[in-house]
């Protein structure tokens, strides 16, 4: 399980604040412990699959810690962070400014429940990353993610998901079952998703599951490719 998650959905900042341990400095930067813990394992997967150059969109970027780490690891990729929560976008800007990196664009206010979210990106991308999104959003956000991704990615384009998933109808660990119950207590529309259901939603939008990778703390990386 992921513990308290930095990925609140929608414009209500309450979900985002639940995972933040305040500011890291005298600026707008926020700190999410989960982001610090999972950055290195996620990077190990991304390094095997992302192009060396290009443009990558991160949806539900949260505090901005991830996109700064990714931009450092992939200096020849142009990174497009986004989050529907204004406080998160302010934190992303602050982390970007503190990093002094020039390959991170200003964050977009993208919401996967908006059927036209891809139009706000305004340009094709080579990959889309969504960390801890699908379980802390209504199920419709998963379809919205892949629907928009189909408009932005060309053949072979990558969608990367990270988080807890059910497999073959069951949880992969007791801690994930407890986390699932906690999520549903916060919002009945949330919950740990079936990996097979996510793959089916991807198929409907023109994507094929390339690989599932077991990650620390009973999480998974799911990698999808856009079919031609």
Protein backbone atom coordinates (compact mmCIF):
# COMPACT_ATOMS: atom_id res chain seq x y z
CA UNK A 1 0.00 0.00 0.00
CA UNK A 2 1.07 3.60 -0.48
CA UNK A 3 0.08 5.08 2.86
CA UNK A 4 -1.22 8.62 2.79
CA UNK A 5 -1.25 9.62 -0.82
CA UNK A 6 -0.24 12.93 -2.32
CA UNK A 7 -2.65 12.58 -5.23
CA UNK A 8 -5.91 14.34 -4.40
CA UNK A 9 -8.39 14.54 -7.25
CA UNK A 10 -10.38 17.55 -8.26
CA UNK A 11 -9.92 21.15 -7.23
CA UNK A 12 -10.63 20.52 -3.51
CA UNK A 13 -7.20 20.74 -1.81
CA UNK A 14 -8.21 18.70 1.26
CA UNK A 15 -7.08 15.40 -0.30
CA UNK A 16 -3.77 16.91 -1.37
CA UNK A 17 -3.10 18.34 2.09
CA UNK A 18 -3.62 14.95 3.74
CA UNK A 19 -0.33 13.68 2.36
CA UNK A 20 1.75 16.80 2.79
CA UNK A 21 4.04 17.37 5.76
CA UNK A 22 4.12 21.13 5.38
CA UNK A 23 6.65 23.30 3.61
CA UNK A 24 10.26 22.30 3.11
CA UNK A 25 11.52 25.89 3.16
CA UNK A 26 10.38 29.50 3.27
CA UNK A 27 8.54 29.13 -0.02
CA UNK A 28 5.60 27.23 -1.50
CA UNK A 29 7.36 23.86 -1.73
CA UNK A 30 5.46 21.01 -0.08
CA UNK A 31 6.90 17.68 0.99
CA UNK A 32 5.17 14.34 0.44
CA UNK A 33 6.91 11.42 2.19
CA UNK A 34 5.49 8.89 -0.28
CA UNK A 35 7.13 10.74 -3.16
CA UNK A 36 10.54 10.53 -1.52
CA UNK A 37 10.14 6.81 -0.85
CA UNK A 38 9.03 5.73 -4.29
CA UNK A 39 11.03 8.02 -6.58
CA UNK A 40 14.07 5.73 -6.92
CA UNK A 41 12.08 2.53 -7.65
CA UNK A 42 9.94 4.38 -10.19
CA UNK A 43 13.00 5.84 -11.89
CA UNK A 44 14.50 2.38 -12.24
CA UNK A 45 11.49 1.37 -14.36
CA UNK A 46 11.27 4.61 -16.32
CA UNK A 47 14.94 4.43 -17.31
CA UNK A 48 14.21 1.14 -19.07
CA UNK A 49 11.24 2.47 -21.05
CA UNK A 50 11.27 6.23 -21.59
CA UNK A 51 12.93 7.71 -24.67
CA UNK A 52 16.14 9.63 -24.06
CA UNK A 53 14.66 12.72 -25.70
CA UNK A 54 11.16 14.03 -26.24
CA UNK A 55 8.24 15.38 -24.25
CA UNK A 56 6.62 13.67 -21.25
CA UNK A 57 3.41 14.68 -19.47
CA UNK A 58 2.90 13.87 -15.80
CA UNK A 59 -0.72 13.98 -14.65
CA UNK A 60 -1.57 14.40 -10.96
CA UNK A 61 1.96 15.62 -10.22
CA UNK A 62 1.22 16.44 -6.59
CA UNK A 63 3.96 18.29 -4.71
CA UNK A 64 6.37 18.42 -7.66
CA UNK A 65 9.07 16.26 -6.07
CA UNK A 66 8.69 13.56 -8.71
CA UNK A 67 8.90 15.80 -11.76
CA UNK A 68 12.07 17.48 -10.46
CA UNK A 69 13.73 14.10 -9.88
CA UNK A 70 12.62 12.89 -13.30
CA UNK A 71 13.86 16.05 -15.02
CA UNK A 72 17.25 15.62 -13.34
CA UNK A 73 17.45 12.00 -14.49
CA UNK A 74 16.27 12.80 -18.05
CA UNK A 75 17.81 16.19 -18.91
CA UNK A 76 16.98 15.89 -22.62
CA UNK A 77 13.26 15.36 -22.01
CA UNK A 78 10.87 18.30 -21.78
CA UNK A 79 8.65 17.66 -18.73
CA UNK A 80 5.06 18.87 -18.52
CA UNK A 81 3.71 18.56 -14.94
CA UNK A 82 0.04 19.04 -14.08
CA UNK A 83 -2.39 18.88 -11.19
CA UNK A 84 -6.00 20.02 -10.69
CA UNK A 85 -5.19 21.39 -7.21
CA UNK A 86 -3.91 24.97 -7.13
CA UNK A 87 -1.76 24.40 -4.02
CA UNK A 88 -0.07 21.52 -5.79
CA UNK A 89 0.66 23.65 -8.83
CA UNK A 90 2.16 26.34 -6.61
CA UNK A 91 4.37 23.70 -4.98
CA UNK A 92 5.42 22.38 -8.40
CA UNK A 93 6.47 25.89 -9.45
CA UNK A 94 8.45 26.34 -6.22
CA UNK A 95 10.23 22.98 -6.56
CA UNK A 96 11.04 23.79 -10.19
CA UNK A 97 12.45 27.20 -9.30
CA UNK A 98 14.55 25.75 -6.48
CA UNK A 99 15.93 23.07 -8.79
CA UNK A 100 17.05 25.62 -11.41
CA UNK A 101 16.23 23.06 -14.09
CA UNK A 102 15.23 24.44 -17.48
CA UNK A 103 13.45 21.35 -18.84
CA UNK A 104 10.29 21.61 -16.70
CA UNK A 105 7.37 23.60 -18.09
CA UNK A 106 4.82 25.49 -15.94
CA UNK A 107 2.20 23.11 -14.49
CA UNK A 108 -1.15 22.66 -16.22
CA UNK A 109 -4.51 22.38 -14.41
CA UNK A 110 -5.53 19.02 -15.87
CA UNK A 111 -8.39 16.92 -14.46
CA UNK A 112 -8.88 13.44 -15.87
CA UNK A 113 -12.63 13.74 -15.29
CA UNK A 114 -12.73 16.53 -17.88
CA UNK A 115 -13.34 14.83 -21.24
CA UNK A 116 -11.43 17.60 -23.03
CA UNK A 117 -8.36 17.71 -20.79
CA UNK A 118 -6.00 16.73 -23.61
CA UNK A 119 -6.85 19.93 -25.51
CA UNK A 120 -5.19 21.94 -22.72
CA UNK A 121 -1.86 20.22 -23.40
CA UNK A 122 -1.88 21.61 -26.92
CA UNK A 123 0.93 19.45 -28.31
CA UNK A 124 1.75 15.77 -28.80
CA UNK A 125 3.77 13.96 -26.14
CA UNK A 126 5.90 10.83 -26.17
CA UNK A 127 4.79 9.42 -22.82
CA UNK A 128 2.31 10.05 -20.01
CA UNK A 129 3.02 9.25 -16.36
CA UNK A 130 0.37 8.90 -13.64
CA UNK A 131 1.60 8.04 -10.15
CA UNK A 132 -0.98 7.10 -7.50
CA UNK A 133 -3.89 8.35 -9.57
CA UNK A 134 -6.40 5.64 -10.37
CA UNK A 135 -7.16 4.45 -6.83
CA UNK A 136 -7.75 7.92 -5.41
CA UNK A 137 -10.08 9.09 -8.15
CA UNK A 138 -13.45 7.91 -9.45
CA UNK A 139 -13.21 4.98 -11.86
CA UNK A 140 -14.18 7.33 -14.71
CA UNK A 141 -10.81 9.06 -14.33
CA UNK A 142 -9.07 5.92 -15.59
CA UNK A 143 -11.07 5.94 -18.80
CA UNK A 144 -10.54 9.68 -19.05
CA UNK A 145 -6.80 9.24 -18.72
CA UNK A 146 -6.57 6.71 -21.54
CA UNK A 147 -9.07 8.57 -23.70
CA UNK A 148 -6.99 11.73 -23.54
CA UNK A 149 -3.75 9.79 -23.91
CA UNK A 150 -5.02 8.36 -27.20
CA UNK A 151 -5.28 11.92 -28.53
CA UNK A 152 -1.79 12.95 -27.42
CA UNK A 153 0.33 9.86 -28.07
CA UNK A 154 1.36 8.44 -31.41
CA UNK A 155 1.89 4.76 -32.18
CA UNK A 156 4.24 3.27 -29.61
CA UNK A 157 3.61 6.05 -27.10
CA UNK A 158 3.84 5.02 -23.45
CA UNK A 159 1.41 5.34 -20.54
CA UNK A 160 2.98 4.54 -17.16
CA UNK A 161 0.84 3.91 -14.07
CA UNK A 162 2.10 3.34 -10.53
CA UNK A 163 0.18 2.36 -7.43
CA UNK A 164 -1.58 -0.53 -5.67
CA UNK A 165 -3.71 -2.87 -7.78
CA UNK A 166 -5.85 -5.93 -7.24
CA UNK A 167 -4.91 -9.02 -9.27
CA UNK A 168 -7.27 -11.75 -10.46
CA UNK A 169 -10.01 -10.25 -8.31
CA UNK A 170 -8.05 -10.21 -5.06
CA UNK A 171 -5.70 -7.98 -3.12
CA UNK A 172 -2.01 -8.76 -3.28
CA UNK A 173 -1.45 -8.11 0.44
CA UNK A 174 -3.55 -7.63 3.61
CA UNK A 175 -2.23 -4.08 3.88
CA UNK A 176 -3.69 -3.28 0.46
CA UNK A 177 -7.08 -4.64 1.54
CA UNK A 178 -6.96 -2.35 4.59
CA UNK A 179 -5.91 0.57 2.41
CA UNK A 180 -8.81 -0.15 0.05
CA UNK A 181 -11.25 -0.01 2.97
CA UNK A 182 -9.74 3.27 4.13
CA UNK A 183 -10.03 4.77 0.64
CA UNK A 184 -13.71 3.85 0.40
CA UNK A 185 -14.32 5.43 3.80
CA UNK A 186 -12.89 8.69 2.47
CA UNK A 187 -14.87 8.50 -0.77
CA UNK A 188 -17.00 5.57 -1.98
CA UNK A 189 -15.89 6.33 -5.55
CA UNK A 190 -12.25 5.60 -4.69
CA UNK A 191 -10.60 2.21 -4.28
CA UNK A 192 -7.78 -0.10 -5.32
CA UNK A 193 -8.53 -1.08 -8.92
CA UNK A 194 -8.40 -4.46 -10.60
CA UNK A 195 -5.36 -4.62 -12.86
CA UNK A 196 -7.42 -6.52 -15.43
CA UNK A 197 -10.11 -3.82 -15.45
CA UNK A 198 -7.49 -1.12 -15.97
CA UNK A 199 -5.98 -3.12 -18.83
CA UNK A 200 -9.44 -3.49 -20.38
CA UNK A 201 -10.02 0.28 -20.19
CA UNK A 202 -6.66 0.78 -21.86
CA UNK A 203 -7.55 -1.71 -24.61
CA UNK A 204 -10.77 0.17 -25.31
CA UNK A 205 -8.73 3.32 -25.92
CA UNK A 206 -6.18 1.63 -28.19
CA UNK A 207 -3.47 0.64 -25.70
CA UNK A 208 -1.93 -2.74 -24.91
CA UNK A 209 -0.44 -3.76 -21.57
CA UNK A 210 3.28 -4.10 -22.21
CA UNK A 211 4.46 -5.12 -18.76
CA UNK A 212 3.52 -5.17 -15.08
CA UNK A 213 6.38 -4.77 -12.63
CA UNK A 214 6.11 -5.60 -8.92
CA UNK A 215 7.33 -2.66 -6.84
CA UNK A 216 8.13 -2.10 -3.15
CA UNK A 217 5.31 -1.82 -0.59
CA UNK A 218 2.93 -4.00 -2.63
CA UNK A 219 2.66 -1.56 -5.52
CA UNK A 220 2.95 -2.15 -9.26
CA UNK A 221 4.19 -0.32 -12.31
CA UNK A 222 1.94 -0.87 -15.33
CA UNK A 223 3.26 0.06 -18.76
CA UNK A 224 0.97 0.46 -21.78
CA UNK A 225 1.85 1.08 -25.43
CA UNK A 226 -0.32 2.89 -27.97
CA UNK A 227 -1.19 0.59 -30.83
CA UNK A 228 -0.73 1.77 -34.41
